[in-house]
Amino acid sequence: MAKGVKPRVKVPKKAAAGDVVTIKTLISHKMESGRRKDKKTGELIPRNIINRFTCDFNGQNVIDVDLGTAISTNPYFEFEAKVPETGEFKFTWYDDDGSVYETSKKITVS
């Protein structure tokens, strides 16, 4: 697991049934493209990036993104989702080193 990786998400706490809400996510992660060389040894630094991001709402997929080496450090995503009922958004980031970072946020529909 990479050091200092911290997922953050912003989801409204409440919405009306059928509302479209804006969701913002950011994960702190020092990305390595696999193309940089270590200044001391001259060896390539192994690739280590967040290679996939998913968001599910009450078990149904909302977004599923495959990422490549062009993704920036600390990837930020902003997207919209329709909220039919009270539930929970689950956010998952997948790292090249096999680590999985998860967090979730609840939303109440009134």
PDB file of N, CA and C in Angstrom:
ATOM      1  N   MET A   1       0.844  -1.171   0.000  1.00  0.00           N
ATOM      2  CA  MET A   1       0.000   0.000   0.000  1.00  0.00           C
ATOM      3  C   MET A   1       0.894   1.241   0.000  1.00  0.00           C
ATOM      4  N   ALA A   2       0.587   2.178  -0.874  1.00  0.00           N
ATOM      5  CA  ALA A   2       1.363   3.412  -0.964  1.00  0.00           C
ATOM      6  C   ALA A   2       1.144   4.267   0.280  1.00  0.00           C
ATOM      7  N   LYS A   3       2.164   5.031   0.654  1.00  0.00           N
ATOM      8  CA  LYS A   3       2.072   5.889   1.829  1.00  0.00           C
ATOM      9  C   LYS A   3       1.309   7.167   1.498  1.00  0.00           C
ATOM     10  N   GLY A   4       0.558   7.662   2.476  1.00  0.00           N
ATOM     11  CA  GLY A   4      -0.099   8.959   2.348  1.00  0.00           C
ATOM     12  C   GLY A   4      -1.285   9.002   1.401  1.00  0.00           C
ATOM     13  N   VAL A   5      -1.813   7.858   1.012  1.00  0.00           N
ATOM     14  CA  VAL A   5      -2.957   7.839   0.101  1.00  0.00           C
ATOM     15  C   VAL A   5      -4.213   8.124   0.919  1.00  0.00           C
ATOM     16  N   LYS A   6      -4.950   9.161   0.497  1.00  0.00           N
ATOM     17  CA  LYS A   6      -6.137   9.552   1.247  1.00  0.00           C
ATOM     18  C   LYS A   6      -7.269   9.884   0.284  1.00  0.00           C
ATOM     19  N   PRO A   7      -8.320   9.056   0.249  1.00  0.00           N
ATOM     20  CA  PRO A   7      -9.466   9.383  -0.596  1.00  0.00           C
ATOM     21  C   PRO A   7     -10.395  10.380   0.102  1.00  0.00           C
ATOM     22  N   ARG A   8     -10.914  11.325  -0.679  1.00  0.00           N
ATOM     23  CA  ARG A   8     -11.882  12.297  -0.167  1.00  0.00           C
ATOM     24  C   ARG A   8     -13.032  12.403  -1.157  1.00  0.00           C
ATOM     25  N   VAL A   9     -14.246  12.505  -0.625  1.00  0.00           N
ATOM     26  CA  VAL A   9     -15.420  12.641  -1.492  1.00  0.00           C
ATOM     27  C   VAL A   9     -16.362  13.686  -0.915  1.00  0.00           C
ATOM     28  N   LYS A  10     -17.115  14.304  -1.811  1.00  0.00           N
ATOM     29  CA  LYS A  10     -18.119  15.284  -1.403  1.00  0.00           C
ATOM     30  C   LYS A  10     -19.427  14.902  -2.076  1.00  0.00           C
ATOM     31  N   VAL A  11     -20.413  14.542  -1.249  1.00  0.00           N
ATOM     32  CA  VAL A  11     -21.738  14.154  -1.707  1.00  0.00           C
ATOM     33  C   VAL A  11     -22.748  14.938  -0.871  1.00  0.00           C
ATOM     34  N   PRO A  12     -23.793  15.501  -1.499  1.00  0.00           N
ATOM     35  CA  PRO A  12     -24.806  16.189  -0.684  1.00  0.00           C
ATOM     36  C   PRO A  12     -25.417  15.229   0.337  1.00  0.00           C
ATOM     37  N   LYS A  13     -25.791  15.735   1.501  1.00  0.00           N
ATOM     38  CA  LYS A  13     -26.382  14.891   2.537  1.00  0.00           C
ATOM     39  C   LYS A  13     -27.841  14.575   2.255  1.00  0.00           C
ATOM     40  N   LYS A  14     -28.523  15.490   1.541  1.00  0.00           N
ATOM     41  CA  LYS A  14     -29.941  15.308   1.244  1.00  0.00           C
ATOM     42  C   LYS A  14     -30.237  15.668  -0.203  1.00  0.00           C
ATOM     43  N   ALA A  15     -31.301  15.055  -0.725  1.00  0.00           N
ATOM     44  CA  ALA A  15     -31.784  15.348  -2.072  1.00  0.00           C
ATOM     45  C   ALA A  15     -33.243  14.925  -2.156  1.00  0.00           C
ATOM     46  N   ALA A  16     -33.928  15.390  -3.181  1.00  0.00           N
ATOM     47  CA  ALA A  16     -35.298  14.938  -3.437  1.00  0.00           C
ATOM     48  C   ALA A  16     -35.225  13.749  -4.388  1.00  0.00           C
ATOM     49  N   ALA A  17     -36.230  12.887  -4.331  1.00  0.00           N
ATOM     50  CA  ALA A  17     -36.265  11.710  -5.206  1.00  0.00           C
ATOM     51  C   ALA A  17     -36.152  12.137  -6.668  1.00  0.00           C
ATOM     52  N   GLY A  18     -35.238  11.522  -7.387  1.00  0.00           N
ATOM     53  CA  GLY A  18     -35.042  11.821  -8.806  1.00  0.00           C
ATOM     54  C   GLY A  18     -34.090  12.968  -9.082  1.00  0.00           C
ATOM     55  N   ASP A  19     -33.601  13.635  -8.047  1.00  0.00           N
ATOM     56  CA  ASP A  19     -32.644  14.725  -8.245  1.00  0.00           C
ATOM     57  C   ASP A  19     -31.336  14.199  -8.837  1.00  0.00           C
ATOM     58  N   VAL A  20     -30.697  15.059  -9.589  1.00  0.00           N
ATOM     59  CA  VAL A  20     -29.350  14.779 -10.086  1.00  0.00           C
ATOM     60  C   VAL A  20     -28.397  15.570  -9.201  1.00  0.00           C
ATOM     61  N   VAL A  21     -27.479  14.878  -8.550  1.00  0.00           N
ATOM     62  CA  VAL A  21     -26.533  15.518  -7.638  1.00  0.00           C
ATOM     63  C   VAL A  21     -25.125  15.487  -8.224  1.00  0.00           C
ATOM     64  N   THR A  22     -24.334  16.457  -7.833  1.00  0.00           N
ATOM     65  CA  THR A  22     -22.933  16.519  -8.252  1.00  0.00           C
ATOM     66  C   THR A  22     -22.069  15.875  -7.177  1.00  0.00           C
ATOM     67  N   ILE A  23     -21.198  14.991  -7.615  1.00  0.00           N
ATOM     68  CA  ILE A  23     -20.296  14.273  -6.718  1.00  0.00           C
ATOM     69  C   ILE A  23     -18.864  14.651  -7.093  1.00  0.00           C
ATOM     70  N   LYS A  24     -18.059  14.923  -6.085  1.00  0.00           N
ATOM     71  CA  LYS A  24     -16.656  15.282  -6.307  1.00  0.00           C
ATOM     72  C   LYS A  24     -15.772  14.323  -5.522  1.00  0.00           C
ATOM     73  N   THR A  25     -14.723  13.828  -6.170  1.00  0.00           N
ATOM     74  CA  THR A  25     -13.790  12.929  -5.501  1.00  0.00           C
ATOM     75  C   THR A  25     -12.354  13.353  -5.780  1.00  0.00           C
ATOM     76  N   LEU A  26     -11.507  13.098  -4.813  1.00  0.00           N
ATOM     77  CA  LEU A  26     -10.081  13.366  -4.946  1.00  0.00           C
ATOM     78  C   LEU A  26      -9.353  12.313  -4.126  1.00  0.00           C
ATOM     79  N   ILE A  27      -8.296  11.775  -4.686  1.00  0.00           N
ATOM     80  CA  ILE A  27      -7.469  10.854  -3.907  1.00  0.00           C
ATOM     81  C   ILE A  27      -6.027  11.339  -3.978  1.00  0.00           C
ATOM     82  N   SER A  28      -5.435  11.499  -2.807  1.00  0.00           N
ATOM     83  CA  SER A  28      -4.028  11.909  -2.731  1.00  0.00           C
ATOM     84  C   SER A  28      -3.180  10.692  -3.050  1.00  0.00           C
ATOM     85  N   HIS A  29      -2.431  10.773  -4.132  1.00  0.00           N
ATOM     86  CA  HIS A  29      -1.600   9.643  -4.543  1.00  0.00           C
ATOM     87  C   HIS A  29      -0.467  10.152  -5.428  1.00  0.00           C
ATOM     88  N   LYS A  30       0.751   9.851  -5.038  1.00  0.00           N
ATOM     89  CA  LYS A  30       1.907  10.237  -5.851  1.00  0.00           C
ATOM     90  C   LYS A  30       2.029   9.227  -6.983  1.00  0.00           C
ATOM     91  N   MET A  31       1.704   9.625  -8.159  1.00  0.00           N
ATOM     92  CA  MET A  31       1.709   8.727  -9.312  1.00  0.00           C
ATOM     93  C   MET A  31       3.124   8.614  -9.889  1.00  0.00           C
ATOM     94  N   GLU A  32       3.449   7.438 -10.358  1.00  0.00           N
ATOM     95  CA  GLU A  32       4.706   7.191 -11.083  1.00  0.00           C
ATOM     96  C   GLU A  32       4.353   6.559 -12.418  1.00  0.00           C
ATOM     97  N   SER A  33       4.750   7.188 -13.493  1.00  0.00           N
ATOM     98  CA  SER A  33       4.383   6.730 -14.837  1.00  0.00           C
ATOM     99  C   SER A  33       5.175   5.504 -15.288  1.00  0.00           C
ATOM    100  N   GLY A  34       6.303   5.235 -14.640  1.00  0.00           N
ATOM    101  CA  GLY A  34       7.164   4.147 -15.078  1.00  0.00           C
ATOM    102  C   GLY A  34       8.184   4.599 -16.110  1.00  0.00           C
ATOM    103  N   ARG A  35       8.218   5.893 -16.386  1.00  0.00           N
ATOM    104  CA  ARG A  35       9.145   6.440 -17.391  1.00  0.00           C
ATOM    105  C   ARG A  35      10.229   7.327 -16.771  1.00  0.00           C
ATOM    106  N   ARG A  36      10.093   7.652 -15.499  1.00  0.00           N
ATOM    107  CA  ARG A  36      11.087   8.483 -14.822  1.00  0.00           C
ATOM    108  C   ARG A  36      12.237   7.631 -14.313  1.00  0.00           C
ATOM    109  N   LYS A  37      13.434   8.204 -14.331  1.00  0.00           N
ATOM    110  CA  LYS A  37      14.602   7.490 -13.814  1.00  0.00           C
ATOM    111  C   LYS A  37      14.980   8.009 -12.439  1.00  0.00           C
ATOM    112  N   ASP A  38      15.455   7.098 -11.605  1.00  0.00           N
ATOM    113  CA  ASP A  38      15.979   7.445 -10.295  1.00  0.00           C
ATOM    114  C   ASP A  38      17.268   8.231 -10.525  1.00  0.00           C
ATOM    115  N   LYS A  39      17.387   9.393  -9.903  1.00  0.00           N
ATOM    116  CA  LYS A  39      18.552  10.254 -10.133  1.00  0.00           C
ATOM    117  C   LYS A  39      19.855   9.624  -9.645  1.00  0.00           C
ATOM    118  N   LYS A  40      19.794   8.803  -8.605  1.00  0.00           N
ATOM    119  CA  LYS A  40      21.011   8.201  -8.051  1.00  0.00           C
ATOM    120  C   LYS A  40      21.459   6.978  -8.837  1.00  0.00           C
ATOM    121  N   THR A  41      20.512   6.109  -9.196  1.00  0.00           N
ATOM    122  CA  THR A  41      20.890   4.838  -9.825  1.00  0.00           C
ATOM    123  C   THR A  41      20.729   4.835 -11.349  1.00  0.00           C
ATOM    124  N   GLY A  42      19.907   5.742 -11.856  1.00  0.00           N
ATOM    125  CA  GLY A  42      19.651   5.761 -13.292  1.00  0.00           C
ATOM    126  C   GLY A  42      18.614   4.731 -13.736  1.00  0.00           C
ATOM    127  N   GLU A  43      18.127   3.925 -12.787  1.00  0.00           N
ATOM    128  CA  GLU A  43      17.123   2.903 -13.080  1.00  0.00           C
ATOM    129  C   GLU A  43      15.738   3.532 -13.196  1.00  0.00           C
ATOM    130  N   LEU A  44      14.892   2.915 -14.027  1.00  0.00           N
ATOM    131  CA  LEU A  44      13.522   3.385 -14.136  1.00  0.00           C
ATOM    132  C   LEU A  44      12.777   3.127 -12.831  1.00  0.00           C
ATOM    133  N   ILE A  45      11.996   4.111 -12.406  1.00  0.00           N
ATOM    134  CA  ILE A  45      11.138   3.954 -11.236  1.00  0.00           C
ATOM    135  C   ILE A  45       9.899   3.210 -11.708  1.00  0.00           C
ATOM    136  N   PRO A  46       9.531   2.108 -11.065  1.00  0.00           N
ATOM    137  CA  PRO A  46       8.392   1.313 -11.532  1.00  0.00           C
ATOM    138  C   PRO A  46       7.086   2.110 -11.548  1.00  0.00           C
ATOM    139  N   ARG A  47       6.257   1.788 -12.523  1.00  0.00           N
ATOM    140  CA  ARG A  47       4.953   2.431 -12.638  1.00  0.00           C
ATOM    141  C   ARG A  47       4.136   2.117 -11.384  1.00  0.00           C
ATOM    142  N   ASN A  48       3.485   3.140 -10.861  1.00  0.00           N
ATOM    143  CA  ASN A  48       2.580   2.979  -9.731  1.00  0.00           C
ATOM    144  C   ASN A  48       1.521   4.066  -9.817  1.00  0.00           C
ATOM    145  N   ILE A  49       0.375   3.715 -10.387  1.00  0.00           N
ATOM    146  CA  ILE A  49      -0.701   4.675 -10.561  1.00  0.00           C
ATOM    147  C   ILE A  49      -2.020   4.087 -10.058  1.00  0.00           C
ATOM    148  N   ILE A  50      -2.978   4.964  -9.844  1.00  0.00           N
ATOM    149  CA  ILE A  50      -4.352   4.533  -9.646  1.00  0.00           C
ATOM    150  C   ILE A  50      -4.830   4.163 -11.043  1.00  0.00           C
ATOM    151  N   ASN A  51      -5.158   2.878 -11.262  1.00  0.00           N
ATOM    152  CA  ASN A  51      -5.480   2.434 -12.624  1.00  0.00           C
ATOM    153  C   ASN A  51      -6.973   2.262 -12.881  1.00  0.00           C
ATOM    154  N   ARG A  52      -7.800   2.391 -11.815  1.00  0.00           N
ATOM    155  CA  ARG A  52      -9.244   2.250 -12.004  1.00  0.00           C
ATOM    156  C   ARG A  52      -9.975   2.946 -10.868  1.00  0.00           C
ATOM    157  N   PHE A  53     -11.107   3.550 -11.201  1.00  0.00           N
ATOM    158  CA  PHE A  53     -11.967   4.192 -10.214  1.00  0.00           C
ATOM    159  C   PHE A  53     -13.401   3.775 -10.487  1.00  0.00           C
ATOM    160  N   THR A  54     -14.121   3.385  -9.421  1.00  0.00           N
ATOM    161  CA  THR A  54     -15.535   3.027  -9.573  1.00  0.00           C
ATOM    162  C   THR A  54     -16.362   3.721  -8.493  1.00  0.00           C
ATOM    163  N   CYS A  55     -17.633   3.920  -8.820  1.00  0.00           N
ATOM    164  CA  CYS A  55     -18.601   4.430  -7.862  1.00  0.00           C
ATOM    165  C   CYS A  55     -19.884   3.636  -8.051  1.00  0.00           C
ATOM    166  N   ASP A  56     -20.419   3.124  -6.954  1.00  0.00           N
ATOM    167  CA  ASP A  56     -21.684   2.385  -6.973  1.00  0.00           C
ATOM    168  C   ASP A  56     -22.663   3.077  -6.031  1.00  0.00           C
ATOM    169  N   PHE A  57     -23.952   2.994  -6.376  1.00  0.00           N
ATOM    170  CA  PHE A  57     -25.007   3.496  -5.502  1.00  0.00           C
ATOM    171  C   PHE A  57     -25.947   2.350  -5.188  1.00  0.00           C
ATOM    172  N   ASN A  58     -26.027   1.994  -3.918  1.00  0.00           N
ATOM    173  CA  ASN A  58     -26.852   0.863  -3.477  1.00  0.00           C
ATOM    174  C   ASN A  58     -26.589  -0.393  -4.316  1.00  0.00           C
ATOM    175  N   GLY A  59     -25.319  -0.641  -4.603  1.00  0.00           N
ATOM    176  CA  GLY A  59     -24.925  -1.841  -5.329  1.00  0.00           C
ATOM    177  C   GLY A  59     -24.991  -1.737  -6.840  1.00  0.00           C
ATOM    178  N   GLN A  60     -25.489  -0.620  -7.377  1.00  0.00           N
ATOM    179  CA  GLN A  60     -25.550  -0.447  -8.833  1.00  0.00           C
ATOM    180  C   GLN A  60     -24.446   0.496  -9.272  1.00  0.00           C
ATOM    181  N   ASN A  61     -23.758   0.110 -10.336  1.00  0.00           N
ATOM    182  CA  ASN A  61     -22.643   0.904 -10.841  1.00  0.00           C
ATOM    183  C   ASN A  61     -23.122   2.245 -11.388  1.00  0.00           C
ATOM    184  N   VAL A  62     -22.421   3.312 -10.983  1.00  0.00           N
ATOM    185  CA  VAL A  62     -22.696   4.662 -11.475  1.00  0.00           C
ATOM    186  C   VAL A  62     -21.631   5.063 -12.486  1.00  0.00           C
ATOM    187  N   ILE A  63     -20.372   4.765 -12.143  1.00  0.00           N
ATOM    188  CA  ILE A  63     -19.255   5.123 -13.014  1.00  0.00           C
ATOM    189  C   ILE A  63     -18.131   4.104 -12.818  1.00  0.00           C
ATOM    190  N   ASP A  64     -17.438   3.791 -13.908  1.00  0.00           N
ATOM    191  CA  ASP A  64     -16.314   2.856 -13.877  1.00  0.00           C
ATOM    192  C   ASP A  64     -15.293   3.370 -14.887  1.00  0.00           C
ATOM    193  N   VAL A  65     -14.154   3.840 -14.386  1.00  0.00           N
ATOM    194  CA  VAL A  65     -13.161   4.494 -15.234  1.00  0.00           C
ATOM    195  C   VAL A  65     -11.838   3.727 -15.184  1.00  0.00           C
ATOM    196  N   ASP A  66     -11.316   3.351 -16.359  1.00  0.00           N
ATOM    197  CA  ASP A  66      -9.972   2.774 -16.459  1.00  0.00           C
ATOM    198  C   ASP A  66      -9.004   3.910 -16.728  1.00  0.00           C
ATOM    199  N   LEU A  67      -7.904   3.956 -15.974  1.00  0.00           N
ATOM    200  CA  LEU A  67      -6.947   5.047 -16.077  1.00  0.00           C
ATOM    201  C   LEU A  67      -5.616   4.551 -16.615  1.00  0.00           C
ATOM    202  N   GLY A  68      -4.903   5.424 -17.298  1.00  0.00           N
ATOM    203  CA  GLY A  68      -3.595   5.086 -17.843  1.00  0.00           C
ATOM    204  C   GLY A  68      -2.520   6.002 -17.287  1.00  0.00           C
ATOM    205  N   THR A  69      -1.332   5.911 -17.847  1.00  0.00           N
ATOM    206  CA  THR A  69      -0.189   6.657 -17.322  1.00  0.00           C
ATOM    207  C   THR A  69      -0.325   8.162 -17.497  1.00  0.00           C
ATOM    208  N   ALA A  70      -1.251   8.637 -18.309  1.00  0.00           N
ATOM    209  CA  ALA A  70      -1.414  10.079 -18.499  1.00  0.00           C
ATOM    210  C   ALA A  70      -2.219  10.727 -17.373  1.00  0.00           C
ATOM    211  N   ILE A  71      -2.734   9.931 -16.443  1.00  0.00           N
ATOM    212  CA  ILE A  71      -3.511  10.485 -15.336  1.00  0.00           C
ATOM    213  C   ILE A  71      -2.581  11.270 -14.417  1.00  0.00           C
ATOM    214  N   SER A  72      -3.076  12.385 -13.907  1.00  0.00           N
ATOM    215  CA  SER A  72      -2.236  13.253 -13.087  1.00  0.00           C
ATOM    216  C   SER A  72      -2.110  12.745 -11.652  1.00  0.00           C
ATOM    217  N   THR A  73      -1.162  13.309 -10.949  1.00  0.00           N
ATOM    218  CA  THR A  73      -1.033  13.070  -9.520  1.00  0.00           C
ATOM    219  C   THR A  73      -2.304  13.566  -8.846  1.00  0.00           C
ATOM    220  N   ASN A  74      -2.745  12.883  -7.802  1.00  0.00           N
ATOM    221  CA  ASN A  74      -3.939  13.253  -7.046  1.00  0.00           C
ATOM    222  C   ASN A  74      -5.172  13.377  -7.952  1.00  0.00           C
ATOM    223  N   PRO A  75      -5.589  12.288  -8.587  1.00  0.00           N
ATOM    224  CA  PRO A  75      -6.696  12.371  -9.545  1.00  0.00           C
ATOM    225  C   PRO A  75      -8.004  12.857  -8.914  1.00  0.00           C
ATOM    226  N   TYR A  76      -8.654  13.776  -9.632  1.00  0.00           N
ATOM    227  CA  TYR A  76      -9.899  14.403  -9.215  1.00  0.00           C
ATOM    228  C   TYR A  76     -10.975  14.050 -10.237  1.00  0.00           C
ATOM    229  N   PHE A  77     -12.122  13.621  -9.747  1.00  0.00           N
ATOM    230  CA  PHE A  77     -13.260  13.345 -10.623  1.00  0.00           C
ATOM    231  C   PHE A  77     -14.472  14.107 -10.109  1.00  0.00           C
ATOM    232  N   GLU A  78     -15.219  14.681 -11.037  1.00  0.00           N
ATOM    233  CA  GLU A  78     -16.490  15.311 -10.730  1.00  0.00           C
ATOM    234  C   GLU A  78     -17.501  14.772 -11.723  1.00  0.00           C
ATOM    235  N   PHE A  79     -18.625  14.268 -11.220  1.00  0.00           N
ATOM    236  CA  PHE A  79     -19.646  13.700 -12.096  1.00  0.00           C
ATOM    237  C   PHE A  79     -21.008  13.851 -11.441  1.00  0.00           C
ATOM    238  N   GLU A  80     -22.050  13.579 -12.207  1.00  0.00           N
ATOM    239  CA  GLU A  80     -23.412  13.686 -11.706  1.00  0.00           C
ATOM    240  C   GLU A  80     -24.057  12.316 -11.638  1.00  0.00           C
ATOM    241  N   ALA A  81     -24.977  12.160 -10.676  1.00  0.00           N
ATOM    242  CA  ALA A  81     -25.699  10.901 -10.518  1.00  0.00           C
ATOM    243  C   ALA A  81     -27.138  11.210 -10.121  1.00  0.00           C
ATOM    244  N   LYS A  82     -28.045  10.461 -10.681  1.00  0.00           N
ATOM    245  CA  LYS A  82     -29.457  10.583 -10.322  1.00  0.00           C
ATOM    246  C   LYS A  82     -29.713   9.748  -9.072  1.00  0.00           C
ATOM    247  N   VAL A  83     -30.414  10.344  -8.100  1.00  0.00           N
ATOM    248  CA  VAL A  83     -30.647   9.681  -6.820  1.00  0.00           C
ATOM    249  C   VAL A  83     -32.129   9.327  -6.692  1.00  0.00           C
ATOM    250  N   PRO A  84     -32.486   8.047  -6.881  1.00  0.00           N
ATOM    251  CA  PRO A  84     -33.897   7.654  -6.810  1.00  0.00           C
ATOM    252  C   PRO A  84     -34.407   7.396  -5.395  1.00  0.00           C
ATOM    253  N   GLU A  85     -33.482   7.133  -4.457  1.00  0.00           N
ATOM    254  CA  GLU A  85     -33.884   6.741  -3.108  1.00  0.00           C
ATOM    255  C   GLU A  85     -32.748   6.994  -2.138  1.00  0.00           C
ATOM    256  N   THR A  86     -33.069   6.914  -0.856  1.00  0.00           N
ATOM    257  CA  THR A  86     -32.041   7.013   0.176  1.00  0.00           C
ATOM    258  C   THR A  86     -31.063   5.853  -0.001  1.00  0.00           C
ATOM    259  N   GLY A  87     -29.787   6.140   0.162  1.00  0.00           N
ATOM    260  CA  GLY A  87     -28.813   5.067  -0.009  1.00  0.00           C
ATOM    261  C   GLY A  87     -27.403   5.513   0.261  1.00  0.00           C
ATOM    262  N   GLU A  88     -26.486   4.714  -0.268  1.00  0.00           N
ATOM    263  CA  GLU A  88     -25.070   4.934  -0.008  1.00  0.00           C
ATOM    264  C   GLU A  88     -24.268   4.826  -1.299  1.00  0.00           C
ATOM    265  N   PHE A  89     -23.413   5.808  -1.498  1.00  0.00           N
ATOM    266  CA  PHE A  89     -22.445   5.762  -2.596  1.00  0.00           C
ATOM    267  C   PHE A  89     -21.179   5.100  -2.067  1.00  0.00           C
ATOM    268  N   LYS A  90     -20.653   4.150  -2.810  1.00  0.00           N
ATOM    269  CA  LYS A  90     -19.398   3.486  -2.452  1.00  0.00           C
ATOM    270  C   LYS A  90     -18.367   3.826  -3.530  1.00  0.00           C
ATOM    271  N   PHE A  91     -17.241   4.339  -3.111  1.00  0.00           N
ATOM    272  CA  PHE A  91     -16.174   4.769  -4.014  1.00  0.00           C
ATOM    273  C   PHE A  91     -14.974   3.850  -3.837  1.00  0.00           C
ATOM    274  N   THR A  92     -14.393   3.400  -4.954  1.00  0.00           N
ATOM    275  CA  THR A  92     -13.260   2.475  -4.892  1.00  0.00           C
ATOM    276  C   THR A  92     -12.195   2.897  -5.899  1.00  0.00           C
ATOM    277  N   TRP A  93     -10.959   2.979  -5.424  1.00  0.00           N
ATOM    278  CA  TRP A  93      -9.805   3.265  -6.266  1.00  0.00           C
ATOM    279  C   TRP A  93      -8.889   2.048  -6.235  1.00  0.00           C
ATOM    280  N   TYR A  94      -8.373   1.650  -7.392  1.00  0.00           N
ATOM    281  CA  TYR A  94      -7.502   0.478  -7.502  1.00  0.00           C
ATOM    282  C   TYR A  94      -6.099   0.939  -7.890  1.00  0.00           C
ATOM    283  N   ASP A  95      -5.115   0.476  -7.138  1.00  0.00           N
ATOM    284  CA  ASP A  95      -3.725   0.869  -7.310  1.00  0.00           C
ATOM    285  C   ASP A  95      -2.960  -0.237  -8.037  1.00  0.00           C
ATOM    286  N   ASP A  96      -1.937   0.138  -8.812  1.00  0.00           N
ATOM    287  CA  ASP A  96      -1.091  -0.840  -9.500  1.00  0.00           C
ATOM    288  C   ASP A  96      -0.459  -1.845  -8.543  1.00  0.00           C
ATOM    289  N   ASP A  97      -0.185  -1.425  -7.307  1.00  0.00           N
ATOM    290  CA  ASP A  97       0.477  -2.332  -6.368  1.00  0.00           C
ATOM    291  C   ASP A  97      -0.496  -3.329  -5.721  1.00  0.00           C
ATOM    292  N   GLY A  98      -1.746  -3.322  -6.181  1.00  0.00           N
ATOM    293  CA  GLY A  98      -2.747  -4.240  -5.664  1.00  0.00           C
ATOM    294  C   GLY A  98      -3.590  -3.670  -4.536  1.00  0.00           C
ATOM    295  N   SER A  99      -3.225  -2.504  -4.052  1.00  0.00           N
ATOM    296  CA  SER A  99      -3.998  -1.876  -2.984  1.00  0.00           C
ATOM    297  C   SER A  99      -5.346  -1.401  -3.511  1.00  0.00           C
ATOM    298  N   VAL A 100      -6.340  -1.445  -2.637  1.00  0.00           N
ATOM    299  CA  VAL A 100      -7.675  -0.952  -2.956  1.00  0.00           C
ATOM    300  C   VAL A 100      -8.060   0.031  -1.861  1.00  0.00           C
ATOM    301  N   TYR A 101      -8.471   1.223  -2.259  1.00  0.00           N
ATOM    302  CA  TYR A 101      -8.863   2.261  -1.316  1.00  0.00           C
ATOM    303  C   TYR A 101     -10.364   2.488  -1.474  1.00  0.00           C
ATOM    304  N   GLU A 102     -11.077   2.454  -0.348  1.00  0.00           N
ATOM    305  CA  GLU A 102     -12.528   2.582  -0.393  1.00  0.00           C
ATOM    306  C   GLU A 102     -13.017   3.596   0.627  1.00  0.00           C
ATOM    307  N   THR A 103     -14.107   4.242   0.274  1.00  0.00           N
ATOM    308  CA  THR A 103     -14.829   5.092   1.203  1.00  0.00           C
ATOM    309  C   THR A 103     -16.274   5.142   0.732  1.00  0.00           C
ATOM    310  N   SER A 104     -17.156   5.575   1.603  1.00  0.00           N
ATOM    311  CA  SER A 104     -18.561   5.653   1.209  1.00  0.00           C
ATOM    312  C   SER A 104     -19.216   6.859   1.871  1.00  0.00           C
ATOM    313  N   LYS A 105     -20.318   7.302   1.268  1.00  0.00           N
ATOM    314  CA  LYS A 105     -21.097   8.422   1.786  1.00  0.00           C
ATOM    315  C   LYS A 105     -22.564   8.128   1.598  1.00  0.00           C
ATOM    316  N   LYS A 106     -23.340   8.433   2.634  1.00  0.00           N
ATOM    317  CA  LYS A 106     -24.783   8.228   2.578  1.00  0.00           C
ATOM    318  C   LYS A 106     -25.479   9.502   2.113  1.00  0.00           C
ATOM    319  N   ILE A 107     -26.636   9.312   1.478  1.00  0.00           N
ATOM    320  CA  ILE A 107     -27.475  10.423   1.062  1.00  0.00           C
ATOM    321  C   ILE A 107     -28.925  10.059   1.421  1.00  0.00           C
ATOM    322  N   THR A 108     -29.634  11.051   1.946  1.00  0.00           N
ATOM    323  CA  THR A 108     -31.021  10.851   2.357  1.00  0.00           C
ATOM    324  C   THR A 108     -31.940  11.521   1.344  1.00  0.00           C
ATOM    325  N   VAL A 109     -32.926  10.770   0.858  1.00  0.00           N
ATOM    326  CA  VAL A 109     -33.911  11.315  -0.072  1.00  0.00           C
ATOM    327  C   VAL A 109     -35.174  11.607   0.720  1.00  0.00           C
ATOM    328  N   SER A 110     -35.639  12.847   0.560  1.00  0.00           N
ATOM    329  CA  SER A 110     -36.859  13.220   1.296  1.00  0.00           C
ATOM    330  C   SER A 110     -37.994  13.545   0.351  1.00  0.00           C
TER     331      SER A 110
END
